Protein backbone atom coordinates (compact mmCIF):
# COMPACT_ATOMS: atom_id res chain seq x y z
CA MET A 1 -1.90 141.10 -29.44
CA ASN A 2 1.77 141.04 -30.87
CA ARG A 3 3.00 140.57 -27.35
CA PHE A 4 2.92 136.81 -27.76
CA LEU A 5 4.64 135.01 -30.84
CA GLY A 6 3.53 131.64 -32.07
CA THR A 7 0.42 129.85 -32.52
CA CYS A 8 -2.50 131.49 -30.81
CA LEU A 9 -5.89 130.26 -29.80
CA ARG A 10 -8.33 133.08 -29.95
CA GLY A 11 -11.72 133.15 -29.01
CA VAL A 12 -14.15 136.03 -29.78
CA LEU A 13 -17.40 136.56 -27.91
CA LEU A 14 -20.04 139.47 -28.96
CA GLY A 15 -22.68 140.32 -26.30
CA ARG A 16 -24.67 143.13 -24.90
CA VAL A 17 -24.54 143.80 -21.22
CA SER A 18 -26.48 147.20 -21.40
CA ARG A 19 -28.19 149.47 -23.68
CA THR A 20 -24.96 151.16 -24.62
CA ALA A 21 -22.24 148.60 -24.04
CA LEU A 22 -21.17 146.48 -26.96
CA TRP A 23 -18.09 144.37 -25.94
CA ALA A 24 -15.75 141.83 -27.32
CA LEU A 25 -13.22 139.51 -25.68
CA TRP A 26 -10.07 138.19 -27.12
CA LEU A 27 -8.51 135.26 -25.09
CA TRP A 28 -5.18 133.99 -26.27
CA LEU A 29 -3.14 131.05 -24.63
CA VAL A 30 0.21 130.24 -25.93
CA SER A 31 3.31 127.96 -25.18
CA ILE A 32 6.39 130.12 -26.17
CA PRO A 33 9.83 130.30 -24.69
CA LEU A 34 9.89 132.71 -21.73
CA ALA A 35 12.95 134.43 -19.97
CA ALA A 36 12.23 132.48 -16.72
CA GLY A 37 9.41 130.93 -14.44
CA PRO A 38 7.78 127.60 -14.48
CA THR A 39 4.80 129.36 -15.94
CA ALA A 40 2.67 129.23 -19.17
CA PRO A 41 1.54 132.68 -20.60
CA PHE A 42 -2.01 133.75 -20.25
CA GLY A 43 -3.42 136.92 -21.86
CA LEU A 44 -6.79 138.63 -21.82
CA GLU A 45 -8.14 141.68 -23.90
CA LEU A 46 -11.77 143.06 -23.16
CA GLN A 47 -13.47 146.01 -24.86
CA PHE A 48 -16.11 147.32 -22.50
CA PRO A 49 -16.96 151.03 -22.65
CA ASP A 50 -19.37 151.26 -19.71
CA THR A 51 -17.27 152.00 -16.98
CA ARG A 52 -17.45 154.99 -14.84
CA TRP A 53 -14.94 156.97 -12.69
CA GLY A 54 -14.03 154.64 -9.94
CA GLN A 55 -14.73 151.24 -11.75
CA SER A 56 -12.31 148.70 -13.32
CA ILE A 57 -12.54 145.41 -14.94
CA PHE A 58 -11.46 142.35 -13.11
CA VAL A 59 -11.29 138.82 -13.84
CA LEU A 60 -12.19 136.19 -11.27
CA GLY A 61 -11.49 132.58 -11.74
CA ASP A 62 -11.80 129.38 -9.91
CA ILE A 63 -7.86 128.91 -9.40
CA PRO A 64 -5.66 131.02 -6.71
CA GLU A 65 -3.86 132.87 -9.26
CA LEU A 66 -7.35 134.35 -10.32
CA GLY A 67 -8.78 134.83 -7.04
CA GLY A 68 -9.70 131.35 -6.25
CA GLY A 69 -13.37 132.02 -6.41
CA ARG A 70 -13.27 134.98 -3.82
CA MET A 71 -14.53 138.46 -5.38
CA GLU A 72 -12.23 140.39 -3.07
CA ARG A 73 -9.18 138.62 -4.55
CA ALA A 74 -10.33 139.23 -8.53
CA VAL A 75 -7.52 140.46 -10.34
CA LYS A 76 -7.55 143.81 -11.88
CA LEU A 77 -7.12 144.33 -15.87
CA GLU A 78 -5.08 147.12 -17.08
CA PRO A 79 -6.60 149.89 -18.93
CA THR A 80 -4.01 150.24 -21.87
CA GLU A 81 -6.43 152.34 -24.30
CA TYR A 82 -9.99 152.88 -22.85
CA PRO A 83 -12.34 151.12 -23.46
CA VAL A 84 -9.92 148.34 -23.89
CA TRP A 85 -8.68 146.33 -20.87
CA LYS A 86 -5.93 144.14 -20.91
CA LEU A 87 -3.95 141.67 -18.80
CA ALA A 88 -0.81 139.54 -19.27
CA MET A 89 0.11 136.82 -16.67
CA GLY A 90 1.83 133.80 -16.05
CA LEU A 91 -0.13 130.63 -14.90
CA PRO A 92 0.46 127.03 -13.91
CA PRO A 93 1.22 125.10 -16.97
CA ARG A 94 -1.38 122.12 -18.06
CA THR A 95 -4.09 123.92 -15.80
CA ALA A 96 -7.69 123.75 -16.77
CA PHE A 97 -9.89 126.48 -15.12
CA SER A 98 -12.93 128.66 -15.59
CA TYR A 99 -13.24 132.57 -15.16
CA ARG A 100 -15.68 135.26 -15.79
CA PHE A 101 -15.09 139.14 -16.12
CA VAL A 102 -16.45 141.27 -13.14
CA LEU A 103 -17.25 145.07 -12.96
CA ARG A 104 -15.87 146.38 -9.53
CA ASP A 105 -15.61 149.75 -7.56
CA ASP A 106 -11.90 149.99 -7.26
CA ALA A 107 -11.85 152.55 -4.48
CA PRO A 108 -9.45 151.13 -1.77
CA GLU A 109 -12.05 151.23 1.09
CA LYS A 110 -14.35 149.05 -1.30
CA LEU A 111 -11.99 146.39 -2.74
CA SER A 112 -12.20 144.05 0.36
CA ASP A 113 -15.90 143.89 0.12
CA PRO A 114 -16.87 140.60 -1.33
CA ALA A 115 -20.44 142.01 -2.31
CA ASN A 116 -18.34 144.52 -4.65
CA GLY A 117 -18.67 142.86 -8.15
CA GLN A 118 -21.18 142.74 -11.05
CA TYR A 119 -20.34 139.90 -13.67
CA VAL A 120 -20.25 141.41 -17.08
CA SER A 121 -19.52 138.10 -19.19
CA PRO A 122 -22.79 136.06 -19.96
CA SER A 123 -21.36 132.91 -18.48
CA ALA A 124 -18.27 131.30 -17.31
CA LEU A 125 -15.45 130.94 -19.56
CA ARG A 126 -13.09 127.71 -19.72
CA ALA A 127 -9.59 127.73 -20.65
CA ARG A 128 -6.42 125.56 -20.36
CA THR A 129 -2.78 126.65 -20.13
CA GLY A 130 -0.10 124.86 -22.20
CA ASP A 131 3.08 123.54 -21.38
CA ALA A 132 5.88 125.68 -19.69
CA PRO A 133 9.16 126.21 -21.49
CA PRO A 134 12.10 123.99 -20.55
CA ALA A 135 13.21 125.30 -16.91
CA ALA A 136 16.44 127.24 -16.96
CA PRO A 137 19.21 126.28 -14.31
CA PRO A 138 18.01 127.62 -11.04
CA ALA A 139 19.96 130.86 -10.03
CA TRP A 140 19.11 130.06 -6.37
CA PRO A 141 20.97 127.15 -4.83
CA PRO A 142 18.79 124.20 -3.33
CA SER A 143 18.55 124.25 0.42
CA PRO A 144 21.50 122.08 2.00
CA ALA A 145 20.86 119.51 4.59
CA ARG A 146 19.86 120.78 8.04
CA PRO A 147 22.88 122.85 9.36
CA ALA A 148 24.55 122.55 12.65
CA SER A 149 25.67 126.19 13.44
CA PRO A 150 22.97 128.56 14.29
CA SER A 151 22.39 132.08 12.44
CA ARG A 152 24.45 135.23 14.10
CA LEU A 153 24.04 138.87 13.48
CA VAL A 154 26.99 141.13 13.09
CA THR A 155 26.73 145.11 13.34
CA HIS A 156 29.52 147.20 11.83
CA GLU A 157 29.14 150.74 12.94
CA GLY A 158 30.11 153.94 11.41
CA LEU A 159 30.56 152.85 7.67
CA ALA A 160 31.28 156.11 5.84
CA CYS A 161 29.18 157.14 3.00
CA GLU A 162 31.40 158.99 0.37
CA THR A 163 28.54 160.18 -1.78
CA LEU A 164 26.59 161.62 1.17
CA GLY A 165 28.95 162.87 3.59
CA ASN A 166 27.77 161.04 6.63
CA SER A 167 28.14 157.42 7.94
CA ARG A 168 25.52 154.49 9.36
CA SER A 169 25.68 151.03 10.63
CA VAL A 170 25.42 148.04 8.40
CA ARG A 171 23.94 144.92 9.83
CA VAL A 172 24.67 141.46 8.55
CA TYR A 173 22.49 138.34 9.21
CA LEU A 174 24.27 135.16 8.54
CA PRO A 175 21.97 132.14 8.09
CA PRO A 176 21.89 128.69 10.13
CA GLY A 177 24.88 126.70 8.66
CA TYR A 178 27.26 129.50 7.46
CA ASP A 179 29.95 128.55 9.78
CA ASP A 180 29.61 124.85 8.77
CA SER A 181 31.29 125.70 5.36
CA SER A 182 34.61 127.91 4.32
CA THR A 183 33.74 127.75 0.87
CA LEU A 184 29.98 128.00 0.05
CA ARG A 185 28.86 131.32 -1.16
CA TYR A 186 25.33 132.80 -0.38
CA PRO A 187 22.79 134.50 -2.10
CA VAL A 188 22.18 138.06 -0.55
CA LEU A 189 19.44 140.27 0.28
CA TYR A 190 20.12 144.29 0.73
CA MET A 191 17.50 146.06 2.63
CA HIS A 192 16.92 149.50 3.87
CA ASP A 193 15.96 150.86 7.17
CA GLY A 194 18.42 148.37 8.79
CA GLN A 195 17.64 149.42 12.56
CA ASN A 196 14.09 148.28 11.92
CA LEU A 197 14.64 145.01 10.62
CA PHE A 198 16.51 143.03 13.57
CA ARG A 199 15.62 142.62 17.23
CA PRO A 200 15.47 144.80 19.23
CA GLY A 201 14.20 147.20 16.14
CA GLY A 202 13.69 150.68 15.94
CA PRO A 203 11.33 153.38 17.30
CA PHE A 204 8.39 152.34 15.28
CA GLY A 205 8.89 148.63 15.82
CA CYS A 206 10.76 145.69 14.34
CA TRP A 207 10.49 143.31 11.33
CA ASP A 208 11.95 140.04 13.26
CA VAL A 209 13.94 139.58 9.95
CA GLU A 210 16.23 137.01 11.80
CA MET A 211 13.22 135.02 13.30
CA THR A 212 11.38 134.66 10.02
CA LEU A 213 14.40 133.85 8.05
CA ASP A 214 15.56 131.17 10.72
CA ARG A 215 12.09 129.62 10.60
CA MET A 216 11.86 129.72 6.97
CA ILE A 217 15.36 128.44 6.04
CA LEU A 218 15.12 125.64 8.78
CA ALA A 219 11.81 124.54 7.28
CA GLY A 220 13.39 124.30 3.80
CA GLU A 221 10.98 127.18 2.73
CA LEU A 222 13.70 129.46 1.71
CA PRO A 223 17.24 128.89 0.61
CA PRO A 224 19.96 130.01 3.09
CA LEU A 225 20.73 133.42 2.46
CA VAL A 226 22.71 136.44 3.87
CA CYS A 227 20.58 139.52 4.85
CA VAL A 228 22.21 142.94 5.07
CA GLY A 229 20.34 145.54 6.73
CA ILE A 230 21.67 149.19 5.87
CA ASP A 231 20.57 151.83 8.52
CA ASN A 232 18.88 154.98 7.65
CA THR A 233 19.98 158.66 8.70
CA PRO A 234 18.16 161.54 9.82
CA ALA A 235 18.21 162.52 6.14
CA ARG A 236 16.39 159.45 5.21
CA MET A 237 13.59 161.04 3.65
CA ILE A 238 15.75 162.97 1.12
CA GLU A 239 18.02 160.02 0.73
CA TYR A 240 15.49 157.51 -0.49
CA VAL A 241 13.57 159.96 -2.73
CA PRO A 242 14.65 159.61 -6.56
CA PRO A 243 16.44 162.83 -7.97
CA TYR A 244 13.46 163.57 -10.30
CA SER A 245 11.16 163.78 -7.35
CA ALA A 246 10.97 166.29 -4.39
CA ILE A 247 10.23 166.53 -0.79
CA ASP A 248 9.15 169.95 0.30
CA GLY A 249 10.76 171.45 -2.58
CA GLN A 250 14.02 169.57 -2.19
CA ALA A 251 15.10 167.29 -5.02
CA GLY A 252 16.10 163.75 -3.68
CA VAL A 253 19.21 162.13 -3.67
CA ALA A 254 18.48 158.46 -4.22
CA ASP A 255 20.85 158.34 -7.08
CA ARG A 256 23.76 159.05 -4.35
CA TYR A 257 22.37 156.77 -1.74
CA CYS A 258 22.33 153.92 -4.57
CA GLN A 259 25.75 154.67 -5.54
CA PHE A 260 26.81 154.21 -2.01
CA LEU A 261 24.97 150.76 -1.86
CA VAL A 262 26.15 149.50 -5.04
CA GLU A 263 30.08 150.99 -4.89
CA GLN A 264 30.82 150.66 -1.24
CA VAL A 265 28.23 148.51 0.88
CA ALA A 266 28.20 145.55 -1.49
CA PRO A 267 32.08 145.38 -1.79
CA PHE A 268 32.45 146.01 1.76
CA VAL A 269 30.06 142.85 2.56
CA GLU A 270 31.44 140.95 -0.24
CA ALA A 271 35.31 141.53 1.15
CA ARG A 272 34.24 140.01 4.74
CA TYR A 273 31.36 137.56 3.92
CA ARG A 274 31.07 134.58 1.63
CA VAL A 275 28.09 136.03 -0.52
CA SER A 276 27.55 135.87 -4.37
CA ARG A 277 28.55 138.49 -6.63
CA ASP A 278 26.00 137.15 -9.22
CA ARG A 279 23.33 139.73 -9.81
CA ARG A 280 20.77 136.74 -10.05
CA GLN A 281 21.57 135.97 -6.36
CA ARG A 282 20.82 139.72 -5.15
CA ILE A 283 17.72 141.23 -4.04
CA VAL A 284 17.07 144.52 -2.80
CA GLY A 285 14.17 145.51 -0.63
CA GLY A 286 12.52 147.74 1.62
CA SER A 287 8.96 149.13 2.74
CA SER A 288 7.56 152.79 2.39
CA LEU A 289 10.44 155.13 1.01
CA GLY A 290 12.42 152.03 1.25
CA GLY A 291 10.34 150.31 -1.29
CA LEU A 292 10.36 153.35 -3.47
CA VAL A 293 14.16 153.52 -3.24
CA SER A 294 14.38 149.38 -4.13
CA ALA A 295 12.52 150.15 -7.19
CA TYR A 296 14.61 153.15 -8.36
CA LEU A 297 17.74 151.23 -7.66
CA GLY A 298 16.64 148.07 -9.83
CA TRP A 299 15.50 150.33 -12.64
CA HIS A 300 18.53 152.57 -12.76
CA HIS A 301 21.12 149.81 -11.76
CA PRO A 302 19.58 146.71 -13.40
CA ALA A 303 23.14 145.14 -13.40
CA PHE A 304 23.47 145.29 -9.53
CA ALA A 305 20.22 142.81 -8.66
CA SER A 306 17.74 140.80 -10.31
CA ARG A 307 14.86 140.83 -7.67
CA LEU A 308 13.08 143.84 -5.98
CA LEU A 309 10.88 143.52 -2.76
CA CYS A 310 8.72 146.69 -2.61
CA LEU A 311 6.45 146.62 0.38
CA SER A 312 4.15 149.32 0.66
CA PRO A 313 6.26 151.34 -1.90
CA SER A 314 5.66 155.31 -1.72
CA PHE A 315 4.74 155.48 -5.47
CA GLN A 316 2.85 158.53 -4.40
CA LEU A 317 5.93 160.27 -5.26
CA GLY A 318 4.90 159.04 -8.99
CA GLU A 319 7.65 160.63 -11.19
CA ILE A 320 9.13 157.30 -11.31
CA LEU A 321 5.77 155.49 -12.96
CA ALA A 322 6.62 157.44 -16.23
CA HIS A 323 10.15 155.83 -16.42
CA PHE A 324 8.38 152.36 -15.79
CA GLU A 325 5.87 153.18 -18.54
CA ASN A 326 8.10 155.00 -21.15
CA GLN A 327 11.35 153.50 -20.94
CA PRO A 328 12.50 149.95 -21.99
CA ALA A 329 12.12 147.47 -19.47
CA ARG A 330 14.57 146.25 -17.08
CA ASP A 331 15.27 142.48 -16.62
CA VAL A 332 14.39 142.61 -12.86
CA THR A 333 11.40 141.01 -11.24
CA PHE A 334 9.19 143.34 -9.11
CA TYR A 335 7.11 142.23 -5.86
CA LEU A 336 4.82 145.23 -5.01
CA ASP A 337 2.26 145.07 -2.31
CA SER A 338 0.39 147.29 -0.13
CA GLY A 339 -2.31 147.30 2.70
CA ASP A 340 -5.70 149.20 2.50
CA GLN A 341 -5.84 150.97 5.92
CA GLY A 342 -4.84 154.21 7.06
CA ARG A 343 -3.95 157.42 5.49
CA SER A 344 -4.16 157.00 1.65
CA HIS A 345 -4.75 153.56 2.35
CA ASP A 346 -1.26 152.47 2.65
CA GLY A 347 -0.81 153.76 -1.08
CA LEU A 348 -2.99 150.81 -2.56
CA ALA A 349 -4.07 153.18 -5.69
CA ALA A 350 -0.36 154.51 -6.23
CA THR A 351 0.86 150.74 -6.14
CA PHE A 352 -1.87 149.78 -8.69
CA HIS A 353 -0.73 152.62 -10.93
CA ALA A 354 2.69 151.27 -10.84
CA ARG A 355 1.64 147.83 -11.48
CA ASP A 356 -0.20 149.01 -14.74
CA ALA A 357 2.57 151.05 -15.75
CA LEU A 358 4.92 147.99 -15.72
CA LEU A 359 2.20 146.16 -17.60
CA LYS A 360 2.11 148.56 -20.47
CA GLY A 361 5.19 147.10 -22.26
CA ASP A 362 5.66 143.60 -23.34
CA LYS A 363 8.19 142.69 -20.78
CA TYR A 364 6.05 142.08 -17.48
CA ARG A 365 3.49 139.28 -16.68
CA LEU A 366 1.57 138.93 -13.69
CA GLY A 367 2.96 135.99 -11.85
CA GLU A 368 5.91 135.59 -13.77
CA ASN A 369 8.23 138.37 -13.28
CA LEU A 370 5.79 141.02 -11.72
CA PHE A 371 3.89 140.19 -8.57
CA HIS A 372 1.02 142.33 -7.11
CA ARG A 373 -0.48 141.80 -3.59
CA ILE A 374 -3.23 143.40 -1.54
CA ALA A 375 -2.89 142.70 2.03
CA TYR A 376 -6.61 143.51 3.55
CA GLY A 377 -6.41 144.97 6.98
CA HIS A 378 -3.02 145.93 6.90
CA GLY A 379 -1.62 149.65 7.31
CA HIS A 380 1.62 151.39 7.00
CA ASN A 381 3.79 150.19 9.78
CA GLU A 382 6.15 147.62 11.14
CA PRO A 383 3.93 144.83 12.22
CA ALA A 384 2.25 144.76 8.79
CA TRP A 385 5.64 144.40 7.02
CA ARG A 386 6.82 141.88 9.37
CA ALA A 387 3.56 139.67 8.91
CA ARG A 388 4.03 139.93 4.86
CA PHE A 389 7.89 139.63 4.77
CA GLY A 390 8.36 135.92 4.65
CA GLN A 391 5.76 135.19 2.03
CA ALA A 392 6.78 138.31 -0.12
CA LEU A 393 10.67 136.88 -0.12
CA ARG A 394 9.13 133.42 -1.12
CA THR A 395 6.94 134.92 -3.95
CA VAL A 396 9.94 137.12 -5.37
CA LEU A 397 12.06 134.00 -5.32
CA GLY A 398 9.31 132.00 -7.19
CA ARG A 399 9.10 129.49 -4.29
């Protein structure tokens, strides 16, 4: 409970929910300075020893951040030291709400079932968040007036990778209005698997990134930004895997791929386009192994980018989770998501494990600098990532 400093409001409830379960709840709501984000801190701790294998404790409230009353949207607590379950979140300031604890089967195929849930708190609990800390100056510029010039896409072929001894194309999306100014510098999103991002796409489909960005930028839902797609190569599998993990017995070389991105791709783009060199205005993102290598880059090169967009990340290669859990937290914001369909349910369980590993320290709070979503009905494919991309980007930008 030393995660939060300052004055705490603590309520202790004791009750019996079965013959063997004695449970206690501590709730604290405090208003203290935070690193970023217009949220007020909210924390839960529940001692509940009656879960069996495949069950977890969730919280369900009447606000969207706590599920909006929908059982399938309840938020899972993190089992820090069983039978203690904890959760640290950032919630909208000055918000009154009610919530209850529920016991749910957490098998991926059961999470979407609204009937999967048993209340373990005897009645609804009410709470109110405090004030948010003073807002810091925005790292992302506000959206300018509607631009006159359209977006455009430029492809640079054959960029040599010195660290891996191969080459690949780099595709650069320039947002609407880019050509209207000669001085304005733009935030930049670096993404992997570049040939799948923009039309016509690759052999597995297309994200239609340029269409999503055009629509959301022109609607004022996103700030104008440059998006850089870095093509993969036939060695994609090994290039996107961390060096402490392996594919078919071969250690990954993500360290060398990330060195290429940081030391070659970014300077190449910065020399030719008006993009920001400020880490606060850089995002790195991708899906599947591209989500894994995004997390790896953010963790091991935190000075490069401040936000990570990890869609369906391949955390089944779980060695990176030990780094999340046991090393000092990085000053980066994570967006993690998964579907629940197909083989391994799109890595849903592994993504939960990554979420919980990040929450074990005192740096990350859900809804503040760590975001986690389940896309029910989505599989591991480009159409699913295309559908989630825009909202994921808005989420990690706090818009």
